Every structure is written in C-alpha cells, then in structure tokens.
Amino acid sequence: MDRYKELLDLVATFQADFEKFYLKQNKSAGVRLRKHMASLKRKAQEIRNEVQDVKAKMAEETSEPTPPTPAA
C-alpha cells in the first residue's frame, strides 16, 4: 500500500496550484499544474510496470515445472 500512499501524497501537493489556476485563473499555476500532471503520469507508468513485474513473478511461481515421468 506504499504506492497508494505515494499517489495520494503526490496528488495532494497539486491542490494549491489547482485552486490558483481554476479559481483565480493564474496562468503560472497552470504551467506548474501541467508539470504536476506530467509527474503523475510518470508515477502511474512506474506503478503499471511494477504491477506487470509482480504479475509475471506470480505466474512463474504458480507454474512450477513438473518433474519428468520415467519412461517405461
């Protein structure tokens, strides 16, 4: 659940710039907001890759090779 907490913390840091851009229409906050969204995209991709790696490891563990049967 550390990744979930990381995402929540990351999104929470965007709040001030969201408010400045959408409520006060501050253009500089819009630039910062776009940078925040780019960092969120990178973090999301990092988590997606990690999920794929974990799934692959799980599949390897469940499909252990069966011992060969002796020929008759």
PDB file of N, CA and C in Angstrom:
ATOM      1  N   MET A   1       0.804  -1.193   0.000  1.00  0.00           N
ATOM      2  CA  MET A   1       0.000   0.000   0.000  1.00  0.00           C
ATOM      3  C   MET A   1       0.858   1.273   0.000  1.00  0.00           C
ATOM      4  N   ASP A   2       2.153   1.091   0.005  1.00  0.00           N
ATOM      5  CA  ASP A   2       3.032   2.258  -0.040  1.00  0.00           C
ATOM      6  C   ASP A   2       2.825   3.051  -1.331  1.00  0.00           C
ATOM      7  N   ARG A   3       2.622   2.347  -2.426  1.00  0.00           N
ATOM      8  CA  ARG A   3       2.430   3.034  -3.715  1.00  0.00           C
ATOM      9  C   ARG A   3       1.164   3.874  -3.701  1.00  0.00           C
ATOM     10  N   TYR A   4       0.126   3.354  -3.075  1.00  0.00           N
ATOM     11  CA  TYR A   4      -1.136   4.082  -2.968  1.00  0.00           C
ATOM     12  C   TYR A   4      -0.923   5.372  -2.176  1.00  0.00           C
ATOM     13  N   LYS A   5      -0.206   5.265  -1.080  1.00  0.00           N
ATOM     14  CA  LYS A   5       0.096   6.432  -0.238  1.00  0.00           C
ATOM     15  C   LYS A   5       0.923   7.445  -1.031  1.00  0.00           C
ATOM     16  N   GLU A   6       1.880   6.952  -1.812  1.00  0.00           N
ATOM     17  CA  GLU A   6       2.691   7.842  -2.644  1.00  0.00           C
ATOM     18  C   GLU A   6       1.809   8.624  -3.614  1.00  0.00           C
ATOM     19  N   LEU A   7       0.866   7.941  -4.243  1.00  0.00           N
ATOM     20  CA  LEU A   7      -0.029   8.616  -5.188  1.00  0.00           C
ATOM     21  C   LEU A   7      -0.884   9.666  -4.483  1.00  0.00           C
ATOM     22  N   LEU A   8      -1.422   9.316  -3.329  1.00  0.00           N
ATOM     23  CA  LEU A   8      -2.235  10.276  -2.584  1.00  0.00           C
ATOM     24  C   LEU A   8      -1.423  11.508  -2.195  1.00  0.00           C
ATOM     25  N   ASP A   9      -0.209  11.286  -1.719  1.00  0.00           N
ATOM     26  CA  ASP A   9       0.652  12.400  -1.336  1.00  0.00           C
ATOM     27  C   ASP A   9       0.990  13.275  -2.541  1.00  0.00           C
ATOM     28  N   LEU A  10       1.267  12.638  -3.661  1.00  0.00           N
ATOM     29  CA  LEU A  10       1.607  13.375  -4.874  1.00  0.00           C
ATOM     30  C   LEU A  10       0.443  14.249  -5.321  1.00  0.00           C
ATOM     31  N   VAL A  11      -0.741  13.678  -5.353  1.00  0.00           N
ATOM     32  CA  VAL A  11      -1.921  14.426  -5.788  1.00  0.00           C
ATOM     33  C   VAL A  11      -2.236  15.553  -4.794  1.00  0.00           C
ATOM     34  N   ALA A  12      -2.017  15.305  -3.524  1.00  0.00           N
ATOM     35  CA  ALA A  12      -2.291  16.334  -2.510  1.00  0.00           C
ATOM     36  C   ALA A  12      -1.406  17.564  -2.713  1.00  0.00           C
ATOM     37  N   THR A  13      -0.211  17.359  -3.235  1.00  0.00           N
ATOM     38  CA  THR A  13       0.684  18.503  -3.460  1.00  0.00           C
ATOM     39  C   THR A  13       0.200  19.393  -4.602  1.00  0.00           C
ATOM     40  N   PHE A  14      -0.718  18.899  -5.421  1.00  0.00           N
ATOM     41  CA  PHE A  14      -1.217  19.665  -6.563  1.00  0.00           C
ATOM     42  C   PHE A  14      -2.315  20.648  -6.171  1.00  0.00           C
ATOM     43  N   GLN A  15      -2.910  20.488  -5.019  1.00  0.00           N
ATOM     44  CA  GLN A  15      -4.124  21.225  -4.652  1.00  0.00           C
ATOM     45  C   GLN A  15      -3.979  22.735  -4.789  1.00  0.00           C
ATOM     46  N   ALA A  16      -2.916  23.288  -4.278  1.00  0.00           N
ATOM     47  CA  ALA A  16      -2.754  24.753  -4.312  1.00  0.00           C
ATOM     48  C   ALA A  16      -2.726  25.265  -5.747  1.00  0.00           C
ATOM     49  N   ASP A  17      -2.003  24.572  -6.612  1.00  0.00           N
ATOM     50  CA  ASP A  17      -1.918  25.033  -7.999  1.00  0.00           C
ATOM     51  C   ASP A  17      -3.238  24.823  -8.742  1.00  0.00           C
ATOM     52  N   PHE A  18      -3.973  23.756  -8.410  1.00  0.00           N
ATOM     53  CA  PHE A  18      -5.305  23.562  -8.998  1.00  0.00           C
ATOM     54  C   PHE A  18      -6.197  24.751  -8.651  1.00  0.00           C
ATOM     55  N   GLU A  19      -6.207  25.116  -7.379  1.00  0.00           N
ATOM     56  CA  GLU A  19      -7.045  26.222  -6.938  1.00  0.00           C
ATOM     57  C   GLU A  19      -6.615  27.540  -7.572  1.00  0.00           C
ATOM     58  N   LYS A  20      -5.319  27.786  -7.616  1.00  0.00           N
ATOM     59  CA  LYS A  20      -4.832  29.036  -8.203  1.00  0.00           C
ATOM     60  C   LYS A  20      -5.185  29.130  -9.679  1.00  0.00           C
ATOM     61  N   PHE A  21      -5.088  28.003 -10.384  1.00  0.00           N
ATOM     62  CA  PHE A  21      -5.372  28.039 -11.821  1.00  0.00           C
ATOM     63  C   PHE A  21      -6.867  28.132 -12.104  1.00  0.00           C
ATOM     64  N   TYR A  22      -7.651  27.219 -11.499  1.00  0.00           N
ATOM     65  CA  TYR A  22      -9.069  27.161 -11.834  1.00  0.00           C
ATOM     66  C   TYR A  22      -9.911  28.236 -11.140  1.00  0.00           C
ATOM     67  N   LEU A  23      -9.581  28.594  -9.932  1.00  0.00           N
ATOM     68  CA  LEU A  23     -10.387  29.578  -9.219  1.00  0.00           C
ATOM     69  C   LEU A  23      -9.905  31.007  -9.437  1.00  0.00           C
ATOM     70  N   LYS A  24      -8.584  31.186  -9.432  1.00  0.00           N
ATOM     71  CA  LYS A  24      -8.037  32.540  -9.563  1.00  0.00           C
ATOM     72  C   LYS A  24      -7.514  32.836 -10.965  1.00  0.00           C
ATOM     73  N   GLN A  25      -7.543  31.810 -11.820  1.00  0.00           N
ATOM     74  CA  GLN A  25      -7.098  31.907 -13.214  1.00  0.00           C
ATOM     75  C   GLN A  25      -5.677  32.443 -13.338  1.00  0.00           C
ATOM     76  N   ASN A  26      -4.800  31.915 -12.499  1.00  0.00           N
ATOM     77  CA  ASN A  26      -3.388  32.275 -12.501  1.00  0.00           C
ATOM     78  C   ASN A  26      -2.685  31.413 -13.554  1.00  0.00           C
ATOM     79  N   LYS A  27      -2.152  32.045 -14.594  1.00  0.00           N
ATOM     80  CA  LYS A  27      -1.530  31.305 -15.696  1.00  0.00           C
ATOM     81  C   LYS A  27      -0.265  30.569 -15.268  1.00  0.00           C
ATOM     82  N   SER A  28       0.505  31.141 -14.369  1.00  0.00           N
ATOM     83  CA  SER A  28       1.725  30.478 -13.890  1.00  0.00           C
ATOM     84  C   SER A  28       1.389  29.185 -13.154  1.00  0.00           C
ATOM     85  N   ALA A  29       0.295  29.200 -12.434  1.00  0.00           N
ATOM     86  CA  ALA A  29      -0.144  27.981 -11.743  1.00  0.00           C
ATOM     87  C   ALA A  29      -0.518  26.912 -12.761  1.00  0.00           C
ATOM     88  N   GLY A  30      -1.014  27.327 -13.913  1.00  0.00           N
ATOM     89  CA  GLY A  30      -1.346  26.380 -14.981  1.00  0.00           C
ATOM     90  C   GLY A  30      -0.110  25.656 -15.491  1.00  0.00           C
ATOM     91  N   VAL A  31       0.986  26.383 -15.618  1.00  0.00           N
ATOM     92  CA  VAL A  31       2.249  25.775 -16.053  1.00  0.00           C
ATOM     93  C   VAL A  31       2.716  24.762 -15.013  1.00  0.00           C
ATOM     94  N   ARG A  32       2.651  25.152 -13.745  1.00  0.00           N
ATOM     95  CA  ARG A  32       3.046  24.231 -12.673  1.00  0.00           C
ATOM     96  C   ARG A  32       2.119  23.024 -12.630  1.00  0.00           C
ATOM     97  N   LEU A  33       0.849  23.256 -12.869  1.00  0.00           N
ATOM     98  CA  LEU A  33      -0.128  22.172 -12.867  1.00  0.00           C
ATOM     99  C   LEU A  33       0.173  21.159 -13.966  1.00  0.00           C
ATOM    100  N   ARG A  34       0.544  21.648 -15.127  1.00  0.00           N
ATOM    101  CA  ARG A  34       0.915  20.729 -16.218  1.00  0.00           C
ATOM    102  C   ARG A  34       2.138  19.909 -15.841  1.00  0.00           C
ATOM    103  N   LYS A  35       3.097  20.515 -15.158  1.00  0.00           N
ATOM    104  CA  LYS A  35       4.280  19.781 -14.698  1.00  0.00           C
ATOM    105  C   LYS A  35       3.888  18.726 -13.675  1.00  0.00           C
ATOM    106  N   HIS A  36       2.970  19.091 -12.777  1.00  0.00           N
ATOM    107  CA  HIS A  36       2.486  18.123 -11.793  1.00  0.00           C
ATOM    108  C   HIS A  36       1.830  16.928 -12.489  1.00  0.00           C
ATOM    109  N   MET A  37       1.022  17.221 -13.488  1.00  0.00           N
ATOM    110  CA  MET A  37       0.318  16.148 -14.193  1.00  0.00           C
ATOM    111  C   MET A  37       1.304  15.246 -14.935  1.00  0.00           C
ATOM    112  N   ALA A  38       2.374  15.811 -15.445  1.00  0.00           N
ATOM    113  CA  ALA A  38       3.403  15.007 -16.107  1.00  0.00           C
ATOM    114  C   ALA A  38       4.085  14.088 -15.098  1.00  0.00           C
ATOM    115  N   SER A  39       4.335  14.591 -13.898  1.00  0.00           N
ATOM    116  CA  SER A  39       4.957  13.748 -12.872  1.00  0.00           C
ATOM    117  C   SER A  39       3.999  12.648 -12.434  1.00  0.00           C
ATOM    118  N   LEU A  40       2.705  12.953 -12.408  1.00  0.00           N
ATOM    119  CA  LEU A  40       1.708  11.932 -12.081  1.00  0.00           C
ATOM    120  C   LEU A  40       1.686  10.847 -13.154  1.00  0.00           C
ATOM    121  N   LYS A  41       1.815  11.247 -14.384  1.00  0.00           N
ATOM    122  CA  LYS A  41       1.840  10.282 -15.491  1.00  0.00           C
ATOM    123  C   LYS A  41       3.065   9.363 -15.363  1.00  0.00           C
ATOM    124  N   ARG A  42       4.213   9.942 -15.032  1.00  0.00           N
ATOM    125  CA  ARG A  42       5.422   9.129 -14.857  1.00  0.00           C
ATOM    126  C   ARG A  42       5.261   8.143 -13.699  1.00  0.00           C
ATOM    127  N   LYS A  43       4.692   8.617 -12.602  1.00  0.00           N
ATOM    128  CA  LYS A  43       4.480   7.761 -11.434  1.00  0.00           C
ATOM    129  C   LYS A  43       3.503   6.636 -11.780  1.00  0.00           C
ATOM    130  N   ALA A  44       2.442   6.953 -12.510  1.00  0.00           N
ATOM    131  CA  ALA A  44       1.467   5.941 -12.908  1.00  0.00           C
ATOM    132  C   ALA A  44       2.126   4.881 -13.789  1.00  0.00           C
ATOM    133  N   GLN A  45       2.963   5.290 -14.714  1.00  0.00           N
ATOM    134  CA  GLN A  45       3.648   4.338 -15.583  1.00  0.00           C
ATOM    135  C   GLN A  45       4.589   3.450 -14.775  1.00  0.00           C
ATOM    136  N   GLU A  46       5.269   4.040 -13.807  1.00  0.00           N
ATOM    137  CA  GLU A  46       6.169   3.289 -12.939  1.00  0.00           C
ATOM    138  C   GLU A  46       5.387   2.209 -12.172  1.00  0.00           C
ATOM    139  N   ILE A  47       4.225   2.571 -11.663  1.00  0.00           N
ATOM    140  CA  ILE A  47       3.406   1.612 -10.925  1.00  0.00           C
ATOM    141  C   ILE A  47       2.864   0.536 -11.860  1.00  0.00           C
ATOM    142  N   ARG A  48       2.453   0.920 -13.057  1.00  0.00           N
ATOM    143  CA  ARG A  48       1.961  -0.067 -14.032  1.00  0.00           C
ATOM    144  C   ARG A  48       3.045  -1.091 -14.351  1.00  0.00           C
ATOM    145  N   ASN A  49       4.271  -0.629 -14.547  1.00  0.00           N
ATOM    146  CA  ASN A  49       5.372  -1.547 -14.828  1.00  0.00           C
ATOM    147  C   ASN A  49       5.631  -2.471 -13.641  1.00  0.00           C
ATOM    148  N   GLU A  50       5.550  -1.919 -12.449  1.00  0.00           N
ATOM    149  CA  GLU A  50       5.756  -2.734 -11.249  1.00  0.00           C
ATOM    150  C   GLU A  50       4.674  -3.805 -11.123  1.00  0.00           C
ATOM    151  N   VAL A  51       3.438  -3.447 -11.418  1.00  0.00           N
ATOM    152  CA  VAL A  51       2.338  -4.409 -11.360  1.00  0.00           C
ATOM    153  C   VAL A  51       2.584  -5.543 -12.354  1.00  0.00           C
ATOM    154  N   GLN A  52       3.019  -5.211 -13.543  1.00  0.00           N
ATOM    155  CA  GLN A  52       3.317  -6.241 -14.545  1.00  0.00           C
ATOM    156  C   GLN A  52       4.424  -7.171 -14.067  1.00  0.00           C
ATOM    157  N   ASP A  53       5.464  -6.610 -13.450  1.00  0.00           N
ATOM    158  CA  ASP A  53       6.556  -7.432 -12.926  1.00  0.00           C
ATOM    159  C   ASP A  53       6.074  -8.372 -11.836  1.00  0.00           C
ATOM    160  N   VAL A  54       5.248  -7.874 -10.940  1.00  0.00           N
ATOM    161  CA  VAL A  54       4.723  -8.701  -9.852  1.00  0.00           C
ATOM    162  C   VAL A  54       3.840  -9.805 -10.417  1.00  0.00           C
ATOM    163  N   LYS A  55       3.006  -9.463 -11.387  1.00  0.00           N
ATOM    164  CA  LYS A  55       2.150 -10.479 -12.007  1.00  0.00           C
ATOM    165  C   LYS A  55       2.980 -11.559 -12.680  1.00  0.00           C
ATOM    166  N   ALA A  56       4.050 -11.169 -13.345  1.00  0.00           N
ATOM    167  CA  ALA A  56       4.913 -12.140 -14.014  1.00  0.00           C
ATOM    168  C   ALA A  56       5.571 -13.073 -13.002  1.00  0.00           C
ATOM    169  N   LYS A  57       6.025 -12.518 -11.875  1.00  0.00           N
ATOM    170  CA  LYS A  57       6.634 -13.343 -10.837  1.00  0.00           C
ATOM    171  C   LYS A  57       5.616 -14.301 -10.238  1.00  0.00           C
ATOM    172  N   MET A  58       4.396 -13.828 -10.062  1.00  0.00           N
ATOM    173  CA  MET A  58       3.343 -14.683  -9.525  1.00  0.00           C
ATOM    174  C   MET A  58       3.050 -15.832 -10.478  1.00  0.00           C
ATOM    175  N   ALA A  59       3.044 -15.548 -11.758  1.00  0.00           N
ATOM    176  CA  ALA A  59       2.780 -16.581 -12.755  1.00  0.00           C
ATOM    177  C   ALA A  59       3.905 -17.610 -12.774  1.00  0.00           C
ATOM    178  N   GLU A  60       5.148 -17.156 -12.615  1.00  0.00           N
ATOM    179  CA  GLU A  60       6.278 -18.075 -12.592  1.00  0.00           C
ATOM    180  C   GLU A  60       6.199 -19.005 -11.386  1.00  0.00           C
ATOM    181  N   GLU A  61       5.796 -18.460 -10.247  1.00  0.00           N
ATOM    182  CA  GLU A  61       5.713 -19.252  -9.026  1.00  0.00           C
ATOM    183  C   GLU A  61       4.608 -20.290  -9.100  1.00  0.00           C
ATOM    184  N   THR A  62       3.507 -19.963  -9.735  1.00  0.00           N
ATOM    185  CA  THR A  62       2.389 -20.904  -9.807  1.00  0.00           C
ATOM    186  C   THR A  62       2.575 -21.956 -10.889  1.00  0.00           C
ATOM    187  N   SER A  63       3.393 -21.692 -11.854  1.00  0.00           N
ATOM    188  CA  SER A  63       3.596 -22.668 -12.937  1.00  0.00           C
ATOM    189  C   SER A  63       4.959 -23.322 -12.825  1.00  0.00           C
ATOM    190  N   GLU A  64       5.233 -23.888 -11.641  1.00  0.00           N
ATOM    191  CA  GLU A  64       6.488 -24.582 -11.456  1.00  0.00           C
ATOM    192  C   GLU A  64       6.492 -25.831 -12.325  1.00  0.00           C
ATOM    193  N   PRO A  65       7.616 -26.159 -12.924  1.00  0.00           N
ATOM    194  CA  PRO A  65       7.659 -27.330 -13.813  1.00  0.00           C
ATOM    195  C   PRO A  65       7.435 -28.625 -13.023  1.00  0.00           C
ATOM    196  N   THR A  66       6.730 -29.536 -13.648  1.00  0.00           N
ATOM    197  CA  THR A  66       6.500 -30.846 -13.032  1.00  0.00           C
ATOM    198  C   THR A  66       7.688 -31.740 -13.331  1.00  0.00           C
ATOM    199  N   PRO A  67       8.036 -32.614 -12.394  1.00  0.00           N
ATOM    200  CA  PRO A  67       9.185 -33.496 -12.649  1.00  0.00           C
ATOM    201  C   PRO A  67       8.879 -34.446 -13.813  1.00  0.00           C
ATOM    202  N   PRO A  68       9.888 -34.795 -14.584  1.00  0.00           N
ATOM    203  CA  PRO A  68       9.660 -35.687 -15.728  1.00  0.00           C
ATOM    204  C   PRO A  68       9.264 -37.086 -15.228  1.00  0.00           C
ATOM    205  N   THR A  69       8.399 -37.728 -16.000  1.00  0.00           N
ATOM    206  CA  THR A  69       7.989 -39.093 -15.664  1.00  0.00           C
ATOM    207  C   THR A  69       8.973 -40.070 -16.299  1.00  0.00           C
ATOM    208  N   PRO A  70       9.303 -41.120 -15.580  1.00  0.00           N
ATOM    209  CA  PRO A  70      10.254 -42.092 -16.149  1.00  0.00           C
ATOM    210  C   PRO A  70       9.628 -42.862 -17.304  1.00  0.00           C
ATOM    211  N   ALA A  71      10.441 -43.127 -18.301  1.00  0.00           N
ATOM    212  CA  ALA A  71       9.972 -43.876 -19.477  1.00  0.00           C
ATOM    213  C   ALA A  71       9.836 -45.344 -19.106  1.00  0.00           C
ATOM    214  N   ALA A  72       8.827 -46.005 -19.635  1.00  0.00           N
ATOM    215  CA  ALA A  72       8.583 -47.405 -19.325  1.00  0.00           C
ATOM    216  C   ALA A  72       9.326 -48.341 -20.204  1.00  0.00           C
TER     217      ALA A  72
END
